[in-house]
Protein backbone atom coordinates (compact mmCIF):
# COMPACT_ATOMS: atom_id res chain seq x y z
CA UNK A 1 61.26 92.66 66.46
CA UNK A 2 58.01 91.86 68.32
CA UNK A 3 57.84 92.05 72.09
CA UNK A 4 55.88 89.25 73.76
CA UNK A 5 54.66 89.07 77.34
CA UNK A 6 54.99 85.85 79.32
CA UNK A 7 53.72 84.80 82.76
CA UNK A 8 54.50 81.80 84.93
CA UNK A 9 51.40 79.85 85.94
CA UNK A 10 53.25 78.51 89.01
CA UNK A 11 54.84 81.55 90.66
CA UNK A 12 53.14 84.44 88.80
CA UNK A 13 56.41 85.93 87.48
CA UNK A 14 55.68 88.10 84.43
CA UNK A 15 58.09 89.65 81.92
CA UNK A 16 58.29 90.97 78.34
CA UNK A 17 60.70 89.31 75.90
CA UNK A 18 61.84 90.57 72.51
CA UNK A 19 61.77 87.62 70.09
CA UNK A 20 61.68 86.96 66.38
CA UNK A 21 58.35 85.65 65.16
CA UNK A 22 60.14 82.46 64.12
CA UNK A 23 61.67 81.86 67.60
CA UNK A 24 60.33 78.98 69.69
CA UNK A 25 58.04 79.81 72.59
CA UNK A 26 59.68 80.19 75.97
CA UNK A 27 58.52 77.56 78.48
CA UNK A 28 60.97 77.70 81.41
CA UNK A 29 60.25 80.40 84.00
CA UNK A 30 63.37 82.54 84.63
CA UNK A 31 62.26 83.03 88.24
CA UNK A 32 61.29 79.56 89.53
CA UNK A 33 62.64 77.31 86.76
CA UNK A 34 59.37 75.42 86.25
CA UNK A 35 58.07 74.60 82.76
CA UNK A 36 54.91 76.66 83.27
CA UNK A 37 55.96 79.88 81.48
CA UNK A 38 53.29 80.79 78.91
CA UNK A 39 52.91 83.57 76.36
CA UNK A 40 50.03 85.92 77.12
CA UNK A 41 47.56 87.08 74.52
CA UNK A 42 47.89 90.85 74.36
CA UNK A 43 48.31 93.71 71.94
CA UNK A 44 51.49 93.23 69.95
CA UNK A 45 54.37 95.49 70.81
CA UNK A 46 57.41 96.18 68.68
CA UNK A 47 60.60 98.19 68.72
CA UNK A 48 61.89 100.21 65.77
CA UNK A 49 65.63 100.19 65.20
CA UNK A 50 67.77 101.97 62.66
CA UNK A 51 66.43 104.13 59.85
CA UNK A 52 62.69 104.06 59.28
CA UNK A 53 59.46 105.68 60.35
CA UNK A 54 59.25 107.64 63.58
CA UNK A 55 56.41 109.33 65.45
CA UNK A 56 57.82 112.75 64.53
CA UNK A 57 57.73 112.05 60.79
CA UNK A 58 54.12 113.15 60.39
CA UNK A 59 53.71 115.83 63.06
CA UNK A 60 53.17 119.35 61.71
CA UNK A 61 55.51 121.16 59.38
CA UNK A 62 54.07 119.55 56.25
CA UNK A 63 52.17 121.49 53.63
CA UNK A 64 48.55 120.43 53.65
CA UNK A 65 46.91 119.78 50.30
CA UNK A 66 44.48 122.50 49.32
CA UNK A 67 41.15 121.51 47.82
CA UNK A 68 40.76 122.37 44.15
CA UNK A 69 38.75 125.46 43.38
CA UNK A 70 35.55 124.87 41.46
CA UNK A 71 36.04 125.29 37.73
CA UNK A 72 33.37 126.54 35.37
CA UNK A 73 30.99 123.71 34.70
CA UNK A 74 31.06 122.44 38.29
CA UNK A 75 33.53 119.54 37.79
CA UNK A 76 36.05 120.91 40.30
CA UNK A 77 38.91 121.07 37.80
CA UNK A 78 40.36 117.68 38.79
CA UNK A 79 39.29 115.85 35.66
CA UNK A 80 40.49 115.04 32.16
CA UNK A 81 38.65 118.00 30.65
CA UNK A 82 40.77 120.59 32.50
CA UNK A 83 44.57 120.81 32.08
CA UNK A 84 46.61 120.80 35.28
């Protein structure tokens, strides 16, 4: 779910809110109660939950692909003329 940052134009209160993209914009400041709470334009943030991709999924431990050795004829061996 995306995390959006809001700031009150009246009192300056600023906070991040986790909302669905389909949720209505927040307009009432939780601090002063005025209808001057606006969403700021910033880099999108998000939070991963449950099973999925994590930062550790691609760090080390994986076997790196080795480049193909040059085959006779100079084609590199990664073509239809050389069996794999």
